[in-house]
PDB file of all heavy atoms in Angstrom:
ATOM      1  N   GLU A   1      -2.638  -9.089  69.250  1.00  0.00           N
ATOM      2  CA  GLU A   1      -3.877  -8.609  68.639  1.00  0.00           C
ATOM      3  C   GLU A   1      -3.951  -8.964  67.158  1.00  0.00           C
ATOM      4  O   GLU A   1      -5.011  -8.908  66.542  1.00  0.00           O
ATOM      5  CB  GLU A   1      -3.977  -7.081  68.794  1.00  0.00           C
ATOM      6  CG  GLU A   1      -3.898  -6.596  70.239  1.00  0.00           C
ATOM      7  CD  GLU A   1      -5.029  -7.141  71.102  1.00  0.00           C
ATOM      8  OE1 GLU A   1      -6.133  -7.343  70.561  1.00  0.00           O
ATOM      9  OE2 GLU A   1      -4.793  -7.388  72.305  1.00  0.00           O
ATOM     10  N   GLU A   2      -2.793  -9.309  66.578  1.00  0.00           N
ATOM     11  CA  GLU A   2      -2.744  -9.704  65.177  1.00  0.00           C
ATOM     12  C   GLU A   2      -1.578 -10.668  64.990  1.00  0.00           C
ATOM     13  O   GLU A   2      -0.717 -10.803  65.848  1.00  0.00           O
ATOM     14  CB  GLU A   2      -2.578  -8.480  64.265  1.00  0.00           C
ATOM     15  CG  GLU A   2      -1.340  -7.652  64.561  1.00  0.00           C
ATOM     16  CD  GLU A   2      -1.221  -6.407  63.701  1.00  0.00           C
ATOM     17  OE1 GLU A   2      -2.146  -6.144  62.901  1.00  0.00           O
ATOM     18  OE2 GLU A   2      -0.212  -5.689  63.817  1.00  0.00           O
ATOM     19  N   GLY A   3      -1.592 -11.365  63.852  1.00  0.00           N
ATOM     20  CA  GLY A   3      -0.493 -12.268  63.533  1.00  0.00           C
ATOM     21  C   GLY A   3      -0.778 -13.719  63.884  1.00  0.00           C
ATOM     22  O   GLY A   3      -1.657 -14.031  64.680  1.00  0.00           O
ATOM     23  N   THR A   4      -0.006 -14.595  63.247  1.00  0.00           N
ATOM     24  CA  THR A   4      -0.050 -16.027  63.546  1.00  0.00           C
ATOM     25  C   THR A   4       1.407 -16.472  63.672  1.00  0.00           C
ATOM     26  O   THR A   4       2.070 -16.719  62.664  1.00  0.00           O
ATOM     27  CB  THR A   4      -0.799 -16.833  62.461  1.00  0.00           C
ATOM     28  OG1 THR A   4      -0.554 -18.226  62.632  1.00  0.00           O
ATOM     29  CG2 THR A   4      -0.421 -16.411  61.060  1.00  0.00           C
ATOM     30  N   PRO A   5       1.940 -16.513  64.903  1.00  0.00           N
ATOM     31  CA  PRO A   5       3.381 -16.678  65.118  1.00  0.00           C
ATOM     32  C   PRO A   5       3.984 -17.885  64.399  1.00  0.00           C
ATOM     33  O   PRO A   5       3.448 -18.986  64.474  1.00  0.00           O
ATOM     34  CB  PRO A   5       3.497 -16.841  66.639  1.00  0.00           C
ATOM     35  CG  PRO A   5       2.266 -16.220  67.178  1.00  0.00           C
ATOM     36  CD  PRO A   5       1.200 -16.463  66.167  1.00  0.00           C
ATOM     37  N   GLN A   6       5.113 -17.640  63.707  1.00  0.00           N
ATOM     38  CA  GLN A   6       5.850 -18.738  63.104  1.00  0.00           C
ATOM     39  C   GLN A   6       6.424 -19.620  64.195  1.00  0.00           C
ATOM     40  O   GLN A   6       6.964 -19.133  65.172  1.00  0.00           O
ATOM     41  CB  GLN A   6       6.995 -18.198  62.246  1.00  0.00           C
ATOM     42  CG  GLN A   6       6.573 -17.630  60.914  1.00  0.00           C
ATOM     43  CD  GLN A   6       7.768 -17.093  60.155  1.00  0.00           C
ATOM     44  OE1 GLN A   6       8.190 -15.981  60.372  1.00  0.00           O
ATOM     45  NE2 GLN A   6       8.303 -17.882  59.250  1.00  0.00           N
ATOM     46  N   GLY A   7       6.333 -20.923  64.000  1.00  0.00           N
ATOM     47  CA  GLY A   7       6.904 -21.846  64.973  1.00  0.00           C
ATOM     48  C   GLY A   7       5.961 -22.962  65.361  1.00  0.00           C
ATOM     49  O   GLY A   7       6.388 -24.000  65.844  1.00  0.00           O
ATOM     50  N   GLY A   8       4.663 -22.761  65.165  1.00  0.00           N
ATOM     51  CA  GLY A   8       3.684 -23.791  65.489  1.00  0.00           C
ATOM     52  C   GLY A   8       3.229 -24.545  64.251  1.00  0.00           C
ATOM     53  O   GLY A   8       3.257 -24.004  63.143  1.00  0.00           O
ATOM     54  N   PRO A   9       2.783 -25.797  64.383  1.00  0.00           N
ATOM     55  CA  PRO A   9       2.354 -26.604  63.231  1.00  0.00           C
ATOM     56  C   PRO A   9       1.130 -26.058  62.506  1.00  0.00           C
ATOM     57  O   PRO A   9       0.910 -26.355  61.338  1.00  0.00           O
ATOM     58  CB  PRO A   9       2.030 -27.971  63.858  1.00  0.00           C
ATOM     59  CG  PRO A   9       2.734 -27.990  65.165  1.00  0.00           C
ATOM     60  CD  PRO A   9       2.750 -26.580  65.640  1.00  0.00           C
ATOM     61  N   LEU A  10       0.318 -25.248  63.189  1.00  0.00           N
ATOM     62  CA  LEU A  10      -0.913 -24.738  62.584  1.00  0.00           C
ATOM     63  C   LEU A  10      -0.667 -23.477  61.753  1.00  0.00           C
ATOM     64  O   LEU A  10      -1.409 -23.185  60.805  1.00  0.00           O
ATOM     65  CB  LEU A  10      -1.936 -24.447  63.692  1.00  0.00           C
ATOM     66  CG  LEU A  10      -3.387 -24.191  63.295  1.00  0.00           C
ATOM     67  CD1 LEU A  10      -3.943 -25.339  62.457  1.00  0.00           C
ATOM     68  CD2 LEU A  10      -4.234 -23.972  64.540  1.00  0.00           C
ATOM     69  N   SER A  11       0.373 -22.743  62.083  1.00  0.00           N
ATOM     70  CA  SER A  11       0.648 -21.454  61.447  1.00  0.00           C
ATOM     71  C   SER A  11       0.801 -21.524  59.920  1.00  0.00           C
ATOM     72  O   SER A  11       0.241 -20.698  59.205  1.00  0.00           O
ATOM     73  CB  SER A  11       1.894 -20.820  62.072  1.00  0.00           C
ATOM     74  OG  SER A  11       2.069 -19.512  61.627  1.00  0.00           O
ATOM     75  N   PRO A  12       1.548 -22.506  59.369  1.00  0.00           N
ATOM     76  CA  PRO A  12       1.685 -22.575  57.906  1.00  0.00           C
ATOM     77  C   PRO A  12       0.346 -22.745  57.185  1.00  0.00           C
ATOM     78  O   PRO A  12       0.115 -22.109  56.147  1.00  0.00           O
ATOM     79  CB  PRO A  12       2.586 -23.795  57.690  1.00  0.00           C
ATOM     80  CG  PRO A  12       3.359 -23.926  58.951  1.00  0.00           C
ATOM     81  CD  PRO A  12       2.407 -23.511  60.032  1.00  0.00           C
ATOM     82  N   LEU A  13      -0.531 -23.590  57.719  1.00  0.00           N
ATOM     83  CA  LEU A  13      -1.836 -23.793  57.091  1.00  0.00           C
ATOM     84  C   LEU A  13      -2.658 -22.509  57.147  1.00  0.00           C
ATOM     85  O   LEU A  13      -3.287 -22.120  56.150  1.00  0.00           O
ATOM     86  CB  LEU A  13      -2.581 -24.931  57.780  1.00  0.00           C
ATOM     87  CG  LEU A  13      -4.027 -25.178  57.292  1.00  0.00           C
ATOM     88  CD1 LEU A  13      -4.036 -25.563  55.813  1.00  0.00           C
ATOM     89  CD2 LEU A  13      -4.702 -26.254  58.136  1.00  0.00           C
ATOM     90  N   LEU A  14      -2.665 -21.843  58.300  1.00  0.00           N
ATOM     91  CA  LEU A  14      -3.426 -20.598  58.429  1.00  0.00           C
ATOM     92  C   LEU A  14      -2.901 -19.525  57.481  1.00  0.00           C
ATOM     93  O   LEU A  14      -3.679 -18.741  56.927  1.00  0.00           O
ATOM     94  CB  LEU A  14      -3.375 -20.096  59.881  1.00  0.00           C
ATOM     95  CG  LEU A  14      -4.016 -21.010  60.932  1.00  0.00           C
ATOM     96  CD1 LEU A  14      -3.894 -20.393  62.323  1.00  0.00           C
ATOM     97  CD2 LEU A  14      -5.470 -21.307  60.608  1.00  0.00           C
ATOM     98  N   SER A  15      -1.588 -19.487  57.276  1.00  0.00           N
ATOM     99  CA  SER A  15      -1.018 -18.498  56.348  1.00  0.00           C
ATOM    100  C   SER A  15      -1.476 -18.782  54.921  1.00  0.00           C
ATOM    101  O   SER A  15      -1.778 -17.854  54.161  1.00  0.00           O
ATOM    102  CB  SER A  15       0.514 -18.509  56.430  1.00  0.00           C
ATOM    103  OG  SER A  15       1.060 -19.707  55.913  1.00  0.00           O
ATOM    104  N   ASN A  16      -1.529 -20.049  54.529  1.00  0.00           N
ATOM    105  CA  ASN A  16      -2.010 -20.395  53.194  1.00  0.00           C
ATOM    106  C   ASN A  16      -3.493 -20.075  53.032  1.00  0.00           C
ATOM    107  O   ASN A  16      -3.936 -19.671  51.949  1.00  0.00           O
ATOM    108  CB  ASN A  16      -1.762 -21.879  52.905  1.00  0.00           C
ATOM    109  CG  ASN A  16      -0.377 -22.145  52.353  1.00  0.00           C
ATOM    110  OD1 ASN A  16       0.234 -21.272  51.735  1.00  0.00           O
ATOM    111  ND2 ASN A  16       0.136 -23.344  52.585  1.00  0.00           N
ATOM    112  N   ILE A  17      -4.266 -20.253  54.091  1.00  0.00           N
ATOM    113  CA  ILE A  17      -5.702 -19.957  54.032  1.00  0.00           C
ATOM    114  C   ILE A  17      -5.936 -18.469  53.788  1.00  0.00           C
ATOM    115  O   ILE A  17      -6.753 -18.086  52.950  1.00  0.00           O
ATOM    116  CB  ILE A  17      -6.401 -20.435  55.329  1.00  0.00           C
ATOM    117  CG1 ILE A  17      -6.454 -21.966  55.363  1.00  0.00           C
ATOM    118  CG2 ILE A  17      -7.805 -19.857  55.430  1.00  0.00           C
ATOM    119  CD1 ILE A  17      -6.921 -22.548  56.687  1.00  0.00           C
ATOM    120  N   ILE A  18      -5.195 -17.611  54.492  1.00  0.00           N
ATOM    121  CA  ILE A  18      -5.399 -16.167  54.330  1.00  0.00           C
ATOM    122  C   ILE A  18      -4.864 -15.684  52.986  1.00  0.00           C
ATOM    123  O   ILE A  18      -5.436 -14.775  52.366  1.00  0.00           O
ATOM    124  CB  ILE A  18      -4.767 -15.376  55.509  1.00  0.00           C
ATOM    125  CG1 ILE A  18      -5.348 -13.957  55.588  1.00  0.00           C
ATOM    126  CG2 ILE A  18      -3.268 -15.327  55.420  1.00  0.00           C
ATOM    127  CD1 ILE A  18      -6.765 -13.883  56.061  1.00  0.00           C
ATOM    128  N   LEU A  19      -3.767 -16.284  52.495  1.00  0.00           N
ATOM    129  CA  LEU A  19      -3.183 -15.836  51.231  1.00  0.00           C
ATOM    130  C   LEU A  19      -3.822 -16.496  50.011  1.00  0.00           C
ATOM    131  O   LEU A  19      -3.524 -16.123  48.874  1.00  0.00           O
ATOM    132  CB  LEU A  19      -1.664 -16.084  51.227  1.00  0.00           C
ATOM    133  CG  LEU A  19      -0.856 -15.158  52.133  1.00  0.00           C
ATOM    134  CD1 LEU A  19       0.617 -15.550  52.134  1.00  0.00           C
ATOM    135  CD2 LEU A  19      -1.002 -13.703  51.695  1.00  0.00           C
ATOM    136  N   ASP A  20      -4.699 -17.467  50.243  1.00  0.00           N
ATOM    137  CA  ASP A  20      -5.396 -18.091  49.114  1.00  0.00           C
ATOM    138  C   ASP A  20      -6.251 -17.065  48.367  1.00  0.00           C
ATOM    139  O   ASP A  20      -6.458 -17.177  47.157  1.00  0.00           O
ATOM    140  CB  ASP A  20      -6.267 -19.249  49.614  1.00  0.00           C
ATOM    141  CG  ASP A  20      -6.906 -20.030  48.473  1.00  0.00           C
ATOM    142  OD1 ASP A  20      -6.154 -20.496  47.594  1.00  0.00           O
ATOM    143  OD2 ASP A  20      -8.141 -20.161  48.464  1.00  0.00           O
ATOM    144  N   LYS A  21      -6.733 -16.063  49.078  1.00  0.00           N
ATOM    145  CA  LYS A  21      -7.523 -15.010  48.439  1.00  0.00           C
ATOM    146  C   LYS A  21      -6.666 -14.228  47.440  1.00  0.00           C
ATOM    147  O   LYS A  21      -7.142 -13.817  46.374  1.00  0.00           O
ATOM    148  CB  LYS A  21      -8.101 -14.065  49.500  1.00  0.00           C
ATOM    149  CG  LYS A  21      -9.196 -13.148  48.973  1.00  0.00           C
ATOM    150  CD  LYS A  21      -9.900 -12.411  50.105  1.00  0.00           C
ATOM    151  CE  LYS A  21     -11.048 -11.550  49.540  1.00  0.00           C
ATOM    152  NZ  LYS A  21     -11.753 -10.818  50.626  1.00  0.00           N
ATOM    153  N   LEU A  22      -5.397 -14.021  47.782  1.00  0.00           N
ATOM    154  CA  LEU A  22      -4.464 -13.372  46.859  1.00  0.00           C
ATOM    155  C   LEU A  22      -4.242 -14.252  45.634  1.00  0.00           C
ATOM    156  O   LEU A  22      -4.264 -13.771  44.492  1.00  0.00           O
ATOM    157  CB  LEU A  22      -3.130 -13.101  47.562  1.00  0.00           C
ATOM    158  CG  LEU A  22      -1.965 -12.645  46.677  1.00  0.00           C
ATOM    159  CD1 LEU A  22      -2.278 -11.317  46.005  1.00  0.00           C
ATOM    160  CD2 LEU A  22      -0.673 -12.543  47.496  1.00  0.00           C
ATOM    161  N   ASP A  23      -4.039 -15.563  45.862  1.00  0.00           N
ATOM    162  CA  ASP A  23      -3.836 -16.499  44.752  1.00  0.00           C
ATOM    163  C   ASP A  23      -5.020 -16.465  43.779  1.00  0.00           C
ATOM    164  O   ASP A  23      -4.841 -16.429  42.559  1.00  0.00           O
ATOM    165  CB  ASP A  23      -3.653 -17.923  45.276  1.00  0.00           C
ATOM    166  CG  ASP A  23      -2.425 -18.069  46.161  1.00  0.00           C
ATOM    167  OD1 ASP A  23      -1.536 -17.204  46.078  1.00  0.00           O
ATOM    168  OD2 ASP A  23      -2.367 -19.042  46.933  1.00  0.00           O
ATOM    169  N   LYS A  24      -6.220 -16.489  44.346  1.00  0.00           N
ATOM    170  CA  LYS A  24      -7.421 -16.514  43.504  1.00  0.00           C
ATOM    171  C   LYS A  24      -7.551 -15.216  42.697  1.00  0.00           C
ATOM    172  O   LYS A  24      -7.961 -15.228  41.529  1.00  0.00           O
ATOM    173  CB  LYS A  24      -8.674 -16.718  44.378  1.00  0.00           C
ATOM    174  CG  LYS A  24      -8.716 -18.082  45.084  1.00  0.00           C
ATOM    175  CD  LYS A  24      -8.740 -19.234  44.078  1.00  0.00           C
ATOM    176  CE  LYS A  24      -9.030 -20.580  44.752  1.00  0.00           C
ATOM    177  NZ  LYS A  24      -7.899 -21.086  45.540  1.00  0.00           N
ATOM    178  N   GLU A  25      -7.175 -14.102  43.307  1.00  0.00           N
ATOM    179  CA  GLU A  25      -7.219 -12.815  42.596  1.00  0.00           C
ATOM    180  C   GLU A  25      -6.217 -12.804  41.439  1.00  0.00           C
ATOM    181  O   GLU A  25      -6.520 -12.333  40.337  1.00  0.00           O
ATOM    182  CB  GLU A  25      -6.900 -11.674  43.573  1.00  0.00           C
ATOM    183  CG  GLU A  25      -6.936 -10.287  42.958  1.00  0.00           C
ATOM    184  CD  GLU A  25      -8.325  -9.846  42.519  1.00  0.00           C
ATOM    185  OE1 GLU A  25      -9.324 -10.449  42.967  1.00  0.00           O
ATOM    186  OE2 GLU A  25      -8.411  -8.889  41.717  1.00  0.00           O
ATOM    187  N   LEU A  26      -5.029 -13.335  41.672  1.00  0.00           N
ATOM    188  CA  LEU A  26      -4.011 -13.401  40.612  1.00  0.00           C
ATOM    189  C   LEU A  26      -4.464 -14.320  39.484  1.00  0.00           C
ATOM    190  O   LEU A  26      -4.214 -14.044  38.303  1.00  0.00           O
ATOM    191  CB  LEU A  26      -2.679 -13.883  41.198  1.00  0.00           C
ATOM    192  CG  LEU A  26      -1.974 -12.915  42.166  1.00  0.00           C
ATOM    193  CD1 LEU A  26      -0.799 -13.590  42.843  1.00  0.00           C
ATOM    194  CD2 LEU A  26      -1.507 -11.661  41.426  1.00  0.00           C
ATOM    195  N   GLU A  27      -5.141 -15.417  39.831  1.00  0.00           N
ATOM    196  CA  GLU A  27      -5.650 -16.343  38.814  1.00  0.00           C
ATOM    197  C   GLU A  27      -6.742 -15.688  37.973  1.00  0.00           C
ATOM    198  O   GLU A  27      -6.758 -15.825  36.742  1.00  0.00           O
ATOM    199  CB  GLU A  27      -6.185 -17.608  39.483  1.00  0.00           C
ATOM    200  CG  GLU A  27      -5.093 -18.514  40.022  1.00  0.00           C
ATOM    201  CD  GLU A  27      -5.635 -19.727  40.762  1.00  0.00           C
ATOM    202  OE1 GLU A  27      -6.829 -19.736  41.128  1.00  0.00           O
ATOM    203  OE2 GLU A  27      -4.857 -20.678  40.981  1.00  0.00           O
ATOM    204  N   VAL A  28      -7.654 -14.973  38.631  1.00  0.00           N
ATOM    205  CA  VAL A  28      -8.741 -14.282  37.910  1.00  0.00           C
ATOM    206  C   VAL A  28      -8.163 -13.279  36.915  1.00  0.00           C
ATOM    207  O   VAL A  28      -8.672 -13.115  35.799  1.00  0.00           O
ATOM    208  CB  VAL A  28      -9.687 -13.573  38.917  1.00  0.00           C
ATOM    209  CG1 VAL A  28     -10.614 -12.600  38.195  1.00  0.00           C
ATOM    210  CG2 VAL A  28     -10.501 -14.601  39.692  1.00  0.00           C
ATOM    211  N   ARG A  29      -7.078 -12.626  37.296  1.00  0.00           N
ATOM    212  CA  ARG A  29      -6.441 -11.632  36.421  1.00  0.00           C
ATOM    213  C   ARG A  29      -5.557 -12.275  35.349  1.00  0.00           C
ATOM    214  O   ARG A  29      -5.018 -11.577  34.491  1.00  0.00           O
ATOM    215  CB  ARG A  29      -5.608 -10.652  37.250  1.00  0.00           C
ATOM    216  CG  ARG A  29      -6.422  -9.849  38.252  1.00  0.00           C
ATOM    217  CD  ARG A  29      -5.554  -8.798  38.913  1.00  0.00           C
ATOM    218  NE  ARG A  29      -6.244  -8.110  40.016  1.00  0.00           N
ATOM    219  CZ  ARG A  29      -5.798  -7.000  40.583  1.00  0.00           C
ATOM    220  NH1 ARG A  29      -4.671  -6.443  40.159  1.00  0.00           N
ATOM    221  NH2 ARG A  29      -6.466  -6.435  41.567  1.00  0.00           N
ATOM    222  N   GLY A  30      -5.387 -13.586  35.436  1.00  0.00           N
ATOM    223  CA  GLY A  30      -4.607 -14.294  34.423  1.00  0.00           C
ATOM    224  C   GLY A  30      -3.106 -14.167  34.556  1.00  0.00           C
ATOM    225  O   GLY A  30      -2.370 -14.349  33.580  1.00  0.00           O
ATOM    226  N   HIS A  31      -2.620 -13.886  35.739  1.00  0.00           N
ATOM    227  CA  HIS A  31      -1.178 -13.699  35.931  1.00  0.00           C
ATOM    228  C   HIS A  31      -0.440 -15.029  36.082  1.00  0.00           C
ATOM    229  O   HIS A  31      -0.985 -16.010  36.582  1.00  0.00           O
ATOM    230  CB  HIS A  31      -0.911 -12.839  37.168  1.00  0.00           C
ATOM    231  CG  HIS A  31      -1.312 -11.410  37.009  1.00  0.00           C
ATOM    232  ND1 HIS A  31      -0.955 -10.640  35.919  1.00  0.00           N
ATOM    233  CD2 HIS A  31      -2.060 -10.594  37.812  1.00  0.00           C
ATOM    234  CE1 HIS A  31      -1.450  -9.431  36.058  1.00  0.00           C
ATOM    235  NE2 HIS A  31      -2.130  -9.375  37.184  1.00  0.00           N
ATOM    236  N   LYS A  32       0.816 -15.019  35.656  1.00  0.00           N
ATOM    237  CA  LYS A  32       1.727 -16.141  35.878  1.00  0.00           C
ATOM    238  C   LYS A  32       2.451 -15.869  37.199  1.00  0.00           C
ATOM    239  O   LYS A  32       3.184 -14.883  37.309  1.00  0.00           O
ATOM    240  CB  LYS A  32       2.755 -16.244  34.748  1.00  0.00           C
ATOM    241  CG  LYS A  32       2.162 -16.252  33.348  1.00  0.00           C
ATOM    242  CD  LYS A  32       1.494 -17.566  33.042  1.00  0.00           C
ATOM    243  CE  LYS A  32       1.040 -17.618  31.578  1.00  0.00           C
ATOM    244  NZ  LYS A  32       0.337 -18.872  31.265  1.00  0.00           N
ATOM    245  N   PHE A  33       2.258 -16.709  38.179  1.00  0.00           N
ATOM    246  CA  PHE A  33       2.862 -16.433  39.473  1.00  0.00           C
ATOM    247  C   PHE A  33       3.231 -17.725  40.192  1.00  0.00           C
ATOM    248  O   PHE A  33       2.743 -18.817  39.880  1.00  0.00           O
ATOM    249  CB  PHE A  33       1.909 -15.605  40.355  1.00  0.00           C
ATOM    250  CG  PHE A  33       0.728 -16.359  40.892  1.00  0.00           C
ATOM    251  CD1 PHE A  33       0.734 -16.875  42.184  1.00  0.00           C
ATOM    252  CD2 PHE A  33      -0.398 -16.571  40.105  1.00  0.00           C
ATOM    253  CE1 PHE A  33      -0.359 -17.580  42.677  1.00  0.00           C
ATOM    254  CE2 PHE A  33      -1.499 -17.263  40.595  1.00  0.00           C
ATOM    255  CZ  PHE A  33      -1.475 -17.769  41.884  1.00  0.00           C
ATOM    256  N   VAL A  34       4.118 -17.575  41.164  1.00  0.00           N
ATOM    257  CA  VAL A  34       4.526 -18.667  42.048  1.00  0.00           C
ATOM    258  C   VAL A  34       4.553 -18.104  43.461  1.00  0.00           C
ATOM    259  O   VAL A  34       5.153 -17.061  43.709  1.00  0.00           O
ATOM    260  CB  VAL A  34       5.930 -19.202  41.693  1.00  0.00           C
ATOM    261  CG1 VAL A  34       6.304 -20.353  42.605  1.00  0.00           C
ATOM    262  CG2 VAL A  34       6.009 -19.634  40.246  1.00  0.00           C
ATOM    263  N   ARG A  35       3.884 -18.790  44.372  1.00  0.00           N
ATOM    264  CA  ARG A  35       3.905 -18.356  45.770  1.00  0.00           C
ATOM    265  C   ARG A  35       4.366 -19.505  46.660  1.00  0.00           C
ATOM    266  O   ARG A  35       3.891 -20.619  46.530  1.00  0.00           O
ATOM    267  CB  ARG A  35       2.528 -17.868  46.230  1.00  0.00           C
ATOM    268  CG  ARG A  35       2.566 -17.305  47.669  1.00  0.00           C
ATOM    269  CD  ARG A  35       1.223 -16.768  48.127  1.00  0.00           C
ATOM    270  NE  ARG A  35       0.217 -17.816  48.248  1.00  0.00           N
ATOM    271  CZ  ARG A  35       0.131 -18.664  49.277  1.00  0.00           C
ATOM    272  NH1 ARG A  35       1.012 -18.622  50.259  1.00  0.00           N
ATOM    273  NH2 ARG A  35      -0.829 -19.580  49.309  1.00  0.00           N
ATOM    274  N   TYR A  36       5.303 -19.186  47.546  1.00  0.00           N
ATOM    275  CA  TYR A  36       5.741 -20.138  48.569  1.00  0.00           C
ATOM    276  C   TYR A  36       5.641 -19.402  49.899  1.00  0.00           C
ATOM    277  O   TYR A  36       6.454 -18.530  50.206  1.00  0.00           O
ATOM    278  CB  TYR A  36       7.176 -20.605  48.312  1.00  0.00           C
ATOM    279  CG  TYR A  36       7.589 -21.765  49.196  1.00  0.00           C
ATOM    280  CD1 TYR A  36       7.518 -23.078  48.729  1.00  0.00           C
ATOM    281  CD2 TYR A  36       8.026 -21.552  50.499  1.00  0.00           C
ATOM    282  CE1 TYR A  36       7.879 -24.142  49.544  1.00  0.00           C
ATOM    283  CE2 TYR A  36       8.378 -22.605  51.322  1.00  0.00           C
ATOM    284  CZ  TYR A  36       8.301 -23.900  50.834  1.00  0.00           C
ATOM    285  OH  TYR A  36       8.645 -24.957  51.652  1.00  0.00           O
ATOM    286  N   ALA A  37       4.602 -19.731  50.683  1.00  0.00           N
ATOM    287  CA  ALA A  37       4.302 -19.006  51.933  1.00  0.00           C
ATOM    288  C   ALA A  37       4.137 -17.523  51.603  1.00  0.00           C
ATOM    289  O   ALA A  37       3.322 -17.180  50.764  1.00  0.00           O
ATOM    290  CB  ALA A  37       5.382 -19.268  52.968  1.00  0.00           C
ATOM    291  N   ASP A  38       4.934 -16.651  52.221  1.00  0.00           N
ATOM    292  CA  ASP A  38       4.773 -15.217  51.952  1.00  0.00           C
ATOM    293  C   ASP A  38       5.720 -14.708  50.873  1.00  0.00           C
ATOM    294  O   ASP A  38       5.809 -13.499  50.650  1.00  0.00           O
ATOM    295  CB  ASP A  38       4.962 -14.417  53.246  1.00  0.00           C
ATOM    296  CG  ASP A  38       6.326 -14.651  53.892  1.00  0.00           C
ATOM    297  OD1 ASP A  38       6.917 -15.725  53.664  1.00  0.00           O
ATOM    298  OD2 ASP A  38       6.803 -13.773  54.636  1.00  0.00           O
ATOM    299  N   ASP A  39       6.425 -15.614  50.191  1.00  0.00           N
ATOM    300  CA  ASP A  39       7.253 -15.241  49.031  1.00  0.00           C
ATOM    301  C   ASP A  39       6.421 -15.386  47.766  1.00  0.00           C
ATOM    302  O   ASP A  39       6.097 -16.511  47.368  1.00  0.00           O
ATOM    303  CB  ASP A  39       8.499 -16.137  48.932  1.00  0.00           C
ATOM    304  CG  ASP A  39       9.570 -15.739  49.924  1.00  0.00           C
ATOM    305  OD1 ASP A  39       9.717 -14.532  50.183  1.00  0.00           O
ATOM    306  OD2 ASP A  39      10.260 -16.629  50.433  1.00  0.00           O
ATOM    307  N   CYS A  40       6.087 -14.268  47.139  1.00  0.00           N
ATOM    308  CA  CYS A  40       5.231 -14.304  45.952  1.00  0.00           C
ATOM    309  C   CYS A  40       5.927 -13.595  44.791  1.00  0.00           C
ATOM    310  O   CYS A  40       6.270 -12.414  44.893  1.00  0.00           O
ATOM    311  CB  CYS A  40       3.886 -13.647  46.234  1.00  0.00           C
ATOM    312  SG  CYS A  40       2.723 -13.755  44.852  1.00  0.00           S
ATOM    313  N   ASN A  41       6.140 -14.319  43.701  1.00  0.00           N
ATOM    314  CA  ASN A  41       6.732 -13.766  42.490  1.00  0.00           C
ATOM    315  C   ASN A  41       5.726 -13.837  41.345  1.00  0.00           C
ATOM    316  O   ASN A  41       5.175 -14.902  41.071  1.00  0.00           O
ATOM    317  CB  ASN A  41       8.003 -14.533  42.101  1.00  0.00           C
ATOM    318  CG  ASN A  41       9.209 -14.110  42.928  1.00  0.00           C
ATOM    319  OD1 ASN A  41       9.089 -13.298  43.851  1.00  0.00           O
ATOM    320  ND2 ASN A  41      10.365 -14.647  42.602  1.00  0.00           N
TER     321      ASN A  41
END
């Protein structure tokens, strides 16, 4: 009912698409950040 299982070629792209909203929010706030998949510092 939820999730995009790790293991398929499409999953990494879909994860970046959903987390791009987080990236854009961090940019608007002017934060210094680095994100690699679901690892966000």
